[in-house]
């Protein structure tokens, strides 16, 4: 991305060239600063900053900054490397945060909007018809499943989460057409989850799997939401895959809430009022 900007400088207007040189001088700062400060540093107007981003082929400043942040983070040499024994706390913080940001931005650029739309619509339809919504996960994915249940419950969507393999298989055996189950696994190779997915699918339930591409679970469900971030078990590795799964759940929960629309508003209002009334003063 930076090479493309450098090559494009001669064809730009002088004011836009100053913006381009500012990007090249400190891309990380450019990705994080507000437009007012960027314009001041480049000695141009705010519309000029936006015009530069569009001349580079992006929708605007926000889109440009997101892609720039992704390029910078993915290019940081210490990402995905083990922490050195001499690292300071500040060094560790930068490594963990940059690793997480890079994974999120990679997902933003690679995610299938069609698959997300399909999954959100399936969950919304299940809620509207009063059928069952369940979340399955094991280990760290079990924590994500419980968080998903909590998030959907707070939106007025009744859901159940299971992190025990036996409970997952038993519950899957009671699912019916119109029900929906979301199965979460980083590796996509957990036997209990594979069995539960197979049973739920045979029972006619819609199965949504959040897992890595190419894993056995990826091809086992009706809808696959790709979440690619392998953890390195032979070295230090932050639990980015769990954060990525939580991000996907958040996208689904927000989209489902919007799908439910006006019918959800009175319930959320009552919920907030009741919680407010219970607080101690």
C-alpha atoms as a PDB file:
ATOM      1  CA  UNK A   1       0.000   0.000   0.000  1.00  0.00           C
ATOM      2  CA  UNK A   2       2.796   2.434   0.884  1.00  0.00           C
ATOM      3  CA  UNK A   3       4.661   1.533  -2.307  1.00  0.00           C
ATOM      4  CA  UNK A   4       1.540   2.321  -4.332  1.00  0.00           C
ATOM      5  CA  UNK A   5       1.190   5.720  -2.621  1.00  0.00           C
ATOM      6  CA  UNK A   6       4.854   6.526  -3.289  1.00  0.00           C
ATOM      7  CA  UNK A   7       4.490   5.619  -6.969  1.00  0.00           C
ATOM      8  CA  UNK A   8       1.331   7.750  -7.299  1.00  0.00           C
ATOM      9  CA  UNK A   9       2.796  10.953  -5.811  1.00  0.00           C
ATOM     10  CA  UNK A  10       4.010  12.538  -9.103  1.00  0.00           C
ATOM     11  CA  UNK A  11       0.509  12.354 -10.612  1.00  0.00           C
ATOM     12  CA  UNK A  12      -1.187  14.082  -7.668  1.00  0.00           C
ATOM     13  CA  UNK A  13      -1.920  17.759  -7.122  1.00  0.00           C
ATOM     14  CA  UNK A  14       0.674  19.528  -4.908  1.00  0.00           C
ATOM     15  CA  UNK A  15      -1.678  19.679  -1.896  1.00  0.00           C
ATOM     16  CA  UNK A  16      -2.513  15.974  -2.180  1.00  0.00           C
ATOM     17  CA  UNK A  17       1.204  15.218  -2.534  1.00  0.00           C
ATOM     18  CA  UNK A  18       1.739  16.773   0.900  1.00  0.00           C
ATOM     19  CA  UNK A  19      -0.883  14.403   2.343  1.00  0.00           C
ATOM     20  CA  UNK A  20       0.789  11.451   0.640  1.00  0.00           C
ATOM     21  CA  UNK A  21       4.186  12.433   2.037  1.00  0.00           C
ATOM     22  CA  UNK A  22       2.640  12.671   5.506  1.00  0.00           C
ATOM     23  CA  UNK A  23       1.353   9.097   5.167  1.00  0.00           C
ATOM     24  CA  UNK A  24       4.754   7.835   4.045  1.00  0.00           C
ATOM     25  CA  UNK A  25       6.560   9.688   6.837  1.00  0.00           C
ATOM     26  CA  UNK A  26       4.497   8.177   9.666  1.00  0.00           C
ATOM     27  CA  UNK A  27       1.793   5.712   8.506  1.00  0.00           C
ATOM     28  CA  UNK A  28       0.958   4.541  12.013  1.00  0.00           C
ATOM     29  CA  UNK A  29       0.239   8.085  13.212  1.00  0.00           C
ATOM     30  CA  UNK A  30      -1.801   8.842  10.073  1.00  0.00           C
ATOM     31  CA  UNK A  31      -4.000   5.813  10.769  1.00  0.00           C
ATOM     32  CA  UNK A  32      -4.799   7.056  14.275  1.00  0.00           C
ATOM     33  CA  UNK A  33      -5.037  10.846  14.036  1.00  0.00           C
ATOM     34  CA  UNK A  34      -8.287  12.818  13.442  1.00  0.00           C
ATOM     35  CA  UNK A  35      -8.742  14.585  10.118  1.00  0.00           C
ATOM     36  CA  UNK A  36      -8.253  18.045  11.654  1.00  0.00           C
ATOM     37  CA  UNK A  37      -4.770  17.220  12.921  1.00  0.00           C
ATOM     38  CA  UNK A  38      -3.866  15.434   9.675  1.00  0.00           C
ATOM     39  CA  UNK A  39      -4.836  18.524   7.684  1.00  0.00           C
ATOM     40  CA  UNK A  40      -2.834  20.775  10.016  1.00  0.00           C
ATOM     41  CA  UNK A  41       0.281  18.592   9.763  1.00  0.00           C
ATOM     42  CA  UNK A  42       0.091  18.494   5.955  1.00  0.00           C
ATOM     43  CA  UNK A  43      -0.818  22.220   5.737  1.00  0.00           C
ATOM     44  CA  UNK A  44      -3.914  21.470   3.656  1.00  0.00           C
ATOM     45  CA  UNK A  45      -7.680  21.618   4.102  1.00  0.00           C
ATOM     46  CA  UNK A  46      -9.705  18.721   5.487  1.00  0.00           C
ATOM     47  CA  UNK A  47     -11.441  18.124   2.111  1.00  0.00           C
ATOM     48  CA  UNK A  48      -7.972  17.748   0.553  1.00  0.00           C
ATOM     49  CA  UNK A  49      -7.205  14.882   2.924  1.00  0.00           C
ATOM     50  CA  UNK A  50     -10.422  13.164   1.847  1.00  0.00           C
ATOM     51  CA  UNK A  51      -9.692  13.821  -1.854  1.00  0.00           C
ATOM     52  CA  UNK A  52      -6.276  12.219  -1.471  1.00  0.00           C
ATOM     53  CA  UNK A  53      -7.837   9.069   0.025  1.00  0.00           C
ATOM     54  CA  UNK A  54     -10.331   8.865  -2.826  1.00  0.00           C
ATOM     55  CA  UNK A  55      -7.626   9.436  -5.432  1.00  0.00           C
ATOM     56  CA  UNK A  56      -5.917   6.341  -3.995  1.00  0.00           C
ATOM     57  CA  UNK A  57      -9.070   4.308  -4.732  1.00  0.00           C
ATOM     58  CA  UNK A  58     -10.738   4.290  -1.297  1.00  0.00           C
ATOM     59  CA  UNK A  59     -14.244   5.375  -0.302  1.00  0.00           C
ATOM     60  CA  UNK A  60     -12.968   8.071   2.021  1.00  0.00           C
ATOM     61  CA  UNK A  61     -10.736   8.770   5.004  1.00  0.00           C
ATOM     62  CA  UNK A  62     -12.267   6.091   7.272  1.00  0.00           C
ATOM     63  CA  UNK A  63     -11.854   3.354   4.675  1.00  0.00           C
ATOM     64  CA  UNK A  64      -8.313   4.509   3.867  1.00  0.00           C
ATOM     65  CA  UNK A  65      -7.291   4.579   7.550  1.00  0.00           C
ATOM     66  CA  UNK A  66      -8.693   1.089   8.203  1.00  0.00           C
ATOM     67  CA  UNK A  67      -6.765  -0.381   5.267  1.00  0.00           C
ATOM     68  CA  UNK A  68      -3.657   1.553   6.265  1.00  0.00           C
ATOM     69  CA  UNK A  69      -3.868   0.319   9.867  1.00  0.00           C
ATOM     70  CA  UNK A  70      -4.207  -3.238   8.575  1.00  0.00           C
ATOM     71  CA  UNK A  71      -1.187  -2.860   6.300  1.00  0.00           C
ATOM     72  CA  UNK A  72       0.912  -1.366   9.081  1.00  0.00           C
ATOM     73  CA  UNK A  73      -0.113  -4.004  11.646  1.00  0.00           C
ATOM     74  CA  UNK A  74       0.397  -6.936   9.285  1.00  0.00           C
ATOM     75  CA  UNK A  75       3.814  -5.536   8.404  1.00  0.00           C
ATOM     76  CA  UNK A  76       5.063  -5.246  11.995  1.00  0.00           C
ATOM     77  CA  UNK A  77       7.955  -7.764  12.174  1.00  0.00           C
ATOM     78  CA  UNK A  78       7.326  -9.049  15.704  1.00  0.00           C
ATOM     79  CA  UNK A  79       3.682 -10.064  15.178  1.00  0.00           C
ATOM     80  CA  UNK A  80       3.154 -13.824  15.662  1.00  0.00           C
ATOM     81  CA  UNK A  81       6.585 -14.153  17.303  1.00  0.00           C
ATOM     82  CA  UNK A  82       7.200 -15.256  20.875  1.00  0.00           C
ATOM     83  CA  UNK A  83       7.802 -12.695  23.575  1.00  0.00           C
ATOM     84  CA  UNK A  84      11.431 -12.224  24.498  1.00  0.00           C
ATOM     85  CA  UNK A  85      12.455 -12.613  28.136  1.00  0.00           C
ATOM     86  CA  UNK A  86      13.880  -9.096  28.053  1.00  0.00           C
ATOM     87  CA  UNK A  87      10.634  -7.517  26.830  1.00  0.00           C
ATOM     88  CA  UNK A  88       9.232  -4.711  28.914  1.00  0.00           C
ATOM     89  CA  UNK A  89       5.544  -4.578  29.756  1.00  0.00           C
ATOM     90  CA  UNK A  90       5.122  -1.812  27.176  1.00  0.00           C
ATOM     91  CA  UNK A  91       6.689  -4.064  24.500  1.00  0.00           C
ATOM     92  CA  UNK A  92       4.348  -6.913  25.397  1.00  0.00           C
ATOM     93  CA  UNK A  93       1.326  -4.613  25.289  1.00  0.00           C
ATOM     94  CA  UNK A  94       2.241  -3.434  21.786  1.00  0.00           C
ATOM     95  CA  UNK A  95       2.763  -7.004  20.542  1.00  0.00           C
ATOM     96  CA  UNK A  96      -0.531  -8.298  21.924  1.00  0.00           C
ATOM     97  CA  UNK A  97      -2.550  -5.301  20.730  1.00  0.00           C
ATOM     98  CA  UNK A  98      -0.997  -5.194  17.256  1.00  0.00           C
ATOM     99  CA  UNK A  99      -1.534  -8.933  16.846  1.00  0.00           C
ATOM    100  CA  UNK A 100      -5.204  -8.528  17.749  1.00  0.00           C
ATOM    101  CA  UNK A 101      -5.715  -5.493  15.516  1.00  0.00           C
ATOM    102  CA  UNK A 102      -4.089  -7.283  12.575  1.00  0.00           C
ATOM    103  CA  UNK A 103      -6.376 -10.300  13.037  1.00  0.00           C
ATOM    104  CA  UNK A 104      -9.507  -8.121  13.226  1.00  0.00           C
ATOM    105  CA  UNK A 105      -8.588  -6.098  10.151  1.00  0.00           C
ATOM    106  CA  UNK A 106      -7.735  -9.252   8.217  1.00  0.00           C
ATOM    107  CA  UNK A 107     -11.171 -10.619   9.106  1.00  0.00           C
ATOM    108  CA  UNK A 108     -12.788  -7.335   8.045  1.00  0.00           C
ATOM    109  CA  UNK A 109     -11.166  -7.618   4.613  1.00  0.00           C
ATOM    110  CA  UNK A 110     -11.751 -11.368   4.148  1.00  0.00           C
ATOM    111  CA  UNK A 111     -15.172 -11.940   5.769  1.00  0.00           C
ATOM    112  CA  UNK A 112     -18.028 -13.121   3.581  1.00  0.00           C
ATOM    113  CA  UNK A 113     -20.887 -10.640   3.894  1.00  0.00           C
ATOM    114  CA  UNK A 114     -23.161 -13.199   2.226  1.00  0.00           C
ATOM    115  CA  UNK A 115     -22.446 -15.826   4.906  1.00  0.00           C
ATOM    116  CA  UNK A 116     -22.933 -13.288   7.724  1.00  0.00           C
ATOM    117  CA  UNK A 117     -26.216 -12.124   6.199  1.00  0.00           C
ATOM    118  CA  UNK A 118     -27.406 -15.722   5.783  1.00  0.00           C
ATOM    119  CA  UNK A 119     -26.518 -16.582   9.398  1.00  0.00           C
ATOM    120  CA  UNK A 120     -28.114 -13.443  10.865  1.00  0.00           C
ATOM    121  CA  UNK A 121     -31.312 -14.004   8.890  1.00  0.00           C
ATOM    122  CA  UNK A 122     -31.495 -17.633  10.048  1.00  0.00           C
ATOM    123  CA  UNK A 123     -31.177 -16.543  13.697  1.00  0.00           C
ATOM    124  CA  UNK A 124     -33.755 -13.773  13.275  1.00  0.00           C
ATOM    125  CA  UNK A 125     -36.225 -16.143  11.585  1.00  0.00           C
ATOM    126  CA  UNK A 126     -35.749 -18.672  14.381  1.00  0.00           C
ATOM    127  CA  UNK A 127     -36.492 -16.028  17.007  1.00  0.00           C
ATOM    128  CA  UNK A 128     -39.549 -14.725  15.158  1.00  0.00           C
ATOM    129  CA  UNK A 129     -41.077 -18.214  14.974  1.00  0.00           C
ATOM    130  CA  UNK A 130     -40.366 -18.981  18.637  1.00  0.00           C
ATOM    131  CA  UNK A 131     -38.007 -21.857  17.879  1.00  0.00           C
ATOM    132  CA  UNK A 132     -34.830 -22.781  19.797  1.00  0.00           C
ATOM    133  CA  UNK A 133     -31.469 -21.048  19.425  1.00  0.00           C
ATOM    134  CA  UNK A 134     -28.472 -22.828  20.954  1.00  0.00           C
ATOM    135  CA  UNK A 135     -24.728 -22.167  21.127  1.00  0.00           C
ATOM    136  CA  UNK A 136     -22.134 -24.965  21.451  1.00  0.00           C
ATOM    137  CA  UNK A 137     -18.444 -24.654  22.265  1.00  0.00           C
ATOM    138  CA  UNK A 138     -15.721 -26.488  24.196  1.00  0.00           C
ATOM    139  CA  UNK A 139     -12.898 -24.947  26.252  1.00  0.00           C
ATOM    140  CA  UNK A 140     -12.253 -21.364  25.168  1.00  0.00           C
ATOM    141  CA  UNK A 141     -15.008 -21.715  22.573  1.00  0.00           C
ATOM    142  CA  UNK A 142     -17.332 -22.711  25.412  1.00  0.00           C
ATOM    143  CA  UNK A 143     -16.672 -19.313  26.994  1.00  0.00           C
ATOM    144  CA  UNK A 144     -17.612 -17.679  23.689  1.00  0.00           C
ATOM    145  CA  UNK A 145     -20.822 -19.746  23.578  1.00  0.00           C
ATOM    146  CA  UNK A 146     -21.772 -18.545  27.057  1.00  0.00           C
ATOM    147  CA  UNK A 147     -21.013 -14.949  26.100  1.00  0.00           C
ATOM    148  CA  UNK A 148     -23.184 -15.377  22.991  1.00  0.00           C
ATOM    149  CA  UNK A 149     -26.093 -16.608  25.099  1.00  0.00           C
ATOM    150  CA  UNK A 150     -25.719 -13.630  27.440  1.00  0.00           C
ATOM    151  CA  UNK A 151     -25.470 -11.150  24.540  1.00  0.00           C
ATOM    152  CA  UNK A 152     -28.547 -12.512  22.762  1.00  0.00           C
ATOM    153  CA  UNK A 153     -30.511 -12.779  26.017  1.00  0.00           C
ATOM    154  CA  UNK A 154     -29.887  -9.094  26.710  1.00  0.00           C
ATOM    155  CA  UNK A 155     -31.440  -8.426  23.310  1.00  0.00           C
ATOM    156  CA  UNK A 156     -34.549 -10.301  24.308  1.00  0.00           C
ATOM    157  CA  UNK A 157     -33.583 -13.373  22.256  1.00  0.00           C
ATOM    158  CA  UNK A 158     -33.987 -16.592  24.234  1.00  0.00           C
ATOM    159  CA  UNK A 159     -30.949 -18.810  23.724  1.00  0.00           C
ATOM    160  CA  UNK A 160     -29.149 -21.662  25.486  1.00  0.00           C
ATOM    161  CA  UNK A 161     -25.386 -22.324  25.672  1.00  0.00           C
ATOM    162  CA  UNK A 162     -23.744 -25.710  26.264  1.00  0.00           C
ATOM    163  CA  UNK A 163     -20.028 -26.312  26.830  1.00  0.00           C
ATOM    164  CA  UNK A 164     -20.322 -29.970  27.874  1.00  0.00           C
ATOM    165  CA  UNK A 165     -20.050 -32.522  25.064  1.00  0.00           C
ATOM    166  CA  UNK A 166     -22.677 -34.882  26.464  1.00  0.00           C
ATOM    167  CA  UNK A 167     -25.181 -32.057  26.904  1.00  0.00           C
ATOM    168  CA  UNK A 168     -24.509 -30.863  23.371  1.00  0.00           C
ATOM    169  CA  UNK A 169     -25.222 -34.285  21.868  1.00  0.00           C
ATOM    170  CA  UNK A 170     -28.355 -34.744  23.994  1.00  0.00           C
ATOM    171  CA  UNK A 171     -29.687 -31.286  23.184  1.00  0.00           C
ATOM    172  CA  UNK A 172     -28.916 -31.676  19.472  1.00  0.00           C
ATOM    173  CA  UNK A 173     -30.943 -34.896  19.517  1.00  0.00           C
ATOM    174  CA  UNK A 174     -34.032 -32.889  20.558  1.00  0.00           C
ATOM    175  CA  UNK A 175     -33.754 -30.169  17.908  1.00  0.00           C
ATOM    176  CA  UNK A 176     -36.377 -29.881  15.197  1.00  0.00           C
ATOM    177  CA  UNK A 177     -36.778 -28.112  11.840  1.00  0.00           C
ATOM    178  CA  UNK A 178     -36.892 -24.373  12.454  1.00  0.00           C
ATOM    179  CA  UNK A 179     -34.393 -24.522  15.327  1.00  0.00           C
ATOM    180  CA  UNK A 180     -30.909 -22.997  14.944  1.00  0.00           C
ATOM    181  CA  UNK A 181     -27.600 -23.956  16.532  1.00  0.00           C
ATOM    182  CA  UNK A 182     -24.306 -22.017  16.387  1.00  0.00           C
ATOM    183  CA  UNK A 183     -21.230 -24.222  16.834  1.00  0.00           C
ATOM    184  CA  UNK A 184     -17.933 -22.496  17.689  1.00  0.00           C
ATOM    185  CA  UNK A 185     -14.497 -24.095  17.408  1.00  0.00           C
ATOM    186  CA  UNK A 186     -11.081 -22.693  16.526  1.00  0.00           C
ATOM    187  CA  UNK A 187      -9.635 -25.970  15.221  1.00  0.00           C
ATOM    188  CA  UNK A 188     -12.933 -27.430  13.998  1.00  0.00           C
ATOM    189  CA  UNK A 189     -11.764 -30.915  14.979  1.00  0.00           C
ATOM    190  CA  UNK A 190     -13.456 -31.506  18.343  1.00  0.00           C
ATOM    191  CA  UNK A 191     -15.255 -34.862  18.182  1.00  0.00           C
ATOM    192  CA  UNK A 192     -18.198 -33.890  20.403  1.00  0.00           C
ATOM    193  CA  UNK A 193     -18.899 -30.753  18.384  1.00  0.00           C
ATOM    194  CA  UNK A 194     -18.664 -32.698  15.124  1.00  0.00           C
ATOM    195  CA  UNK A 195     -21.154 -35.256  16.464  1.00  0.00           C
ATOM    196  CA  UNK A 196     -23.537 -32.559  17.740  1.00  0.00           C
ATOM    197  CA  UNK A 197     -23.398 -30.746  14.393  1.00  0.00           C
ATOM    198  CA  UNK A 198     -24.129 -33.942  12.470  1.00  0.00           C
ATOM    199  CA  UNK A 199     -27.076 -34.814  14.734  1.00  0.00           C
ATOM    200  CA  UNK A 200     -28.543 -31.301  14.621  1.00  0.00           C
ATOM    201  CA  UNK A 201     -28.295 -31.209  10.836  1.00  0.00           C
ATOM    202  CA  UNK A 202     -29.976 -34.595  10.473  1.00  0.00           C
ATOM    203  CA  UNK A 203     -32.756 -33.389  12.780  1.00  0.00           C
ATOM    204  CA  UNK A 204     -33.446 -30.552  10.336  1.00  0.00           C
ATOM    205  CA  UNK A 205     -32.048 -27.675  12.414  1.00  0.00           C
ATOM    206  CA  UNK A 206     -30.036 -24.906  10.766  1.00  0.00           C
ATOM    207  CA  UNK A 207     -26.371 -25.323  11.753  1.00  0.00           C
ATOM    208  CA  UNK A 208     -24.068 -22.283  11.734  1.00  0.00           C
ATOM    209  CA  UNK A 209     -20.387 -23.076  12.294  1.00  0.00           C
ATOM    210  CA  UNK A 210     -17.745 -20.528  13.290  1.00  0.00           C
ATOM    211  CA  UNK A 211     -14.406 -22.172  12.587  1.00  0.00           C
ATOM    212  CA  UNK A 212     -11.267 -22.109  10.466  1.00  0.00           C
ATOM    213  CA  UNK A 213     -11.511 -22.647   6.740  1.00  0.00           C
ATOM    214  CA  UNK A 214     -10.581 -26.168   5.678  1.00  0.00           C
ATOM    215  CA  UNK A 215     -11.384 -27.716   9.062  1.00  0.00           C
ATOM    216  CA  UNK A 216     -13.696 -30.798   9.263  1.00  0.00           C
ATOM    217  CA  UNK A 217     -16.386 -28.689  10.956  1.00  0.00           C
ATOM    218  CA  UNK A 218     -16.260 -26.057   8.170  1.00  0.00           C
ATOM    219  CA  UNK A 219     -17.976 -28.380   5.701  1.00  0.00           C
ATOM    220  CA  UNK A 220     -20.261 -30.042   8.252  1.00  0.00           C
ATOM    221  CA  UNK A 221     -22.738 -27.185   8.843  1.00  0.00           C
ATOM    222  CA  UNK A 222     -25.297 -25.394   6.720  1.00  0.00           C
ATOM    223  CA  UNK A 223     -23.600 -21.993   7.044  1.00  0.00           C
ATOM    224  CA  UNK A 224     -19.863 -21.496   7.550  1.00  0.00           C
ATOM    225  CA  UNK A 225     -18.495 -18.276   9.071  1.00  0.00           C
ATOM    226  CA  UNK A 226     -14.757 -18.426   8.478  1.00  0.00           C
ATOM    227  CA  UNK A 227     -12.537 -17.443  11.424  1.00  0.00           C
ATOM    228  CA  UNK A 228      -8.902 -18.055  10.516  1.00  0.00           C
ATOM    229  CA  UNK A 229      -6.378 -17.412  13.247  1.00  0.00           C
ATOM    230  CA  UNK A 230      -4.300 -20.445  14.271  1.00  0.00           C
ATOM    231  CA  UNK A 231      -2.861 -20.287  17.777  1.00  0.00           C
ATOM    232  CA  UNK A 232       0.821 -21.217  18.229  1.00  0.00           C
ATOM    233  CA  UNK A 233       0.987 -23.682  21.096  1.00  0.00           C
ATOM    234  CA  UNK A 234       4.774 -24.080  21.001  1.00  0.00           C
ATOM    235  CA  UNK A 235       5.357 -20.392  21.802  1.00  0.00           C
ATOM    236  CA  UNK A 236       3.669 -17.438  23.433  1.00  0.00           C
ATOM    237  CA  UNK A 237       0.456 -16.601  21.653  1.00  0.00           C
ATOM    238  CA  UNK A 238      -2.338 -14.265  22.781  1.00  0.00           C
ATOM    239  CA  UNK A 239      -5.846 -15.760  22.675  1.00  0.00           C
ATOM    240  CA  UNK A 240      -6.799 -13.819  19.568  1.00  0.00           C
ATOM    241  CA  UNK A 241      -8.996 -16.583  18.133  1.00  0.00           C
ATOM    242  CA  UNK A 242     -11.418 -16.231  21.067  1.00  0.00           C
ATOM    243  CA  UNK A 243     -11.581 -12.463  20.556  1.00  0.00           C
ATOM    244  CA  UNK A 244     -12.232 -13.050  16.852  1.00  0.00           C
ATOM    245  CA  UNK A 245     -15.101 -15.423  17.670  1.00  0.00           C
ATOM    246  CA  UNK A 246     -16.563 -12.857  20.077  1.00  0.00           C
ATOM    247  CA  UNK A 247     -16.349 -10.234  17.341  1.00  0.00           C
ATOM    248  CA  UNK A 248     -18.343 -12.453  14.961  1.00  0.00           C
ATOM    249  CA  UNK A 249     -20.952 -13.100  17.655  1.00  0.00           C
ATOM    250  CA  UNK A 250     -21.230  -9.343  18.215  1.00  0.00           C
ATOM    251  CA  UNK A 251     -21.842  -8.774  14.486  1.00  0.00           C
ATOM    252  CA  UNK A 252     -24.565 -11.442  14.478  1.00  0.00           C
ATOM    253  CA  UNK A 253     -26.237 -10.149  17.654  1.00  0.00           C
ATOM    254  CA  UNK A 254     -26.319  -6.567  16.404  1.00  0.00           C
ATOM    255  CA  UNK A 255     -27.685  -7.594  13.005  1.00  0.00           C
ATOM    256  CA  UNK A 256     -30.371  -9.821  14.546  1.00  0.00           C
ATOM    257  CA  UNK A 257     -31.438  -6.987  16.859  1.00  0.00           C
ATOM    258  CA  UNK A 258     -31.899  -4.715  13.845  1.00  0.00           C
ATOM    259  CA  UNK A 259     -33.844  -7.448  12.033  1.00  0.00           C
ATOM    260  CA  UNK A 260     -36.273  -7.724  14.957  1.00  0.00           C
ATOM    261  CA  UNK A 261     -36.799  -3.964  14.810  1.00  0.00           C
ATOM    262  CA  UNK A 262     -39.725  -2.341  16.566  1.00  0.00           C
ATOM    263  CA  UNK A 263     -40.880  -5.473  18.392  1.00  0.00           C
ATOM    264  CA  UNK A 264     -37.632  -5.448  20.353  1.00  0.00           C
ATOM    265  CA  UNK A 265     -37.632  -1.794  21.418  1.00  0.00           C
ATOM    266  CA  UNK A 266     -40.264  -1.959  24.228  1.00  0.00           C
ATOM    267  CA  UNK A 267     -38.571  -5.027  25.704  1.00  0.00           C
ATOM    268  CA  UNK A 268     -35.143  -3.386  25.747  1.00  0.00           C
ATOM    269  CA  UNK A 269     -36.630  -0.224  27.264  1.00  0.00           C
ATOM    270  CA  UNK A 270     -38.320  -2.204  30.065  1.00  0.00           C
ATOM    271  CA  UNK A 271     -35.141  -4.195  30.671  1.00  0.00           C
ATOM    272  CA  UNK A 272     -33.037  -1.052  31.067  1.00  0.00           C
ATOM    273  CA  UNK A 273     -35.605   0.613  33.317  1.00  0.00           C
ATOM    274  CA  UNK A 274     -35.824  -2.435  35.586  1.00  0.00           C
ATOM    275  CA  UNK A 275     -32.040  -2.650  35.837  1.00  0.00           C
ATOM    276  CA  UNK A 276     -31.834   1.062  36.606  1.00  0.00           C
ATOM    277  CA  UNK A 277     -34.435   0.732  39.360  1.00  0.00           C
ATOM    278  CA  UNK A 278     -32.458  -2.060  41.039  1.00  0.00           C
ATOM    279  CA  UNK A 279     -29.235  -0.082  41.288  1.00  0.00           C
ATOM    280  CA  UNK A 280     -28.203   1.112  44.725  1.00  0.00           C
ATOM    281  CA  UNK A 281     -27.748   4.820  45.161  1.00  0.00           C
END
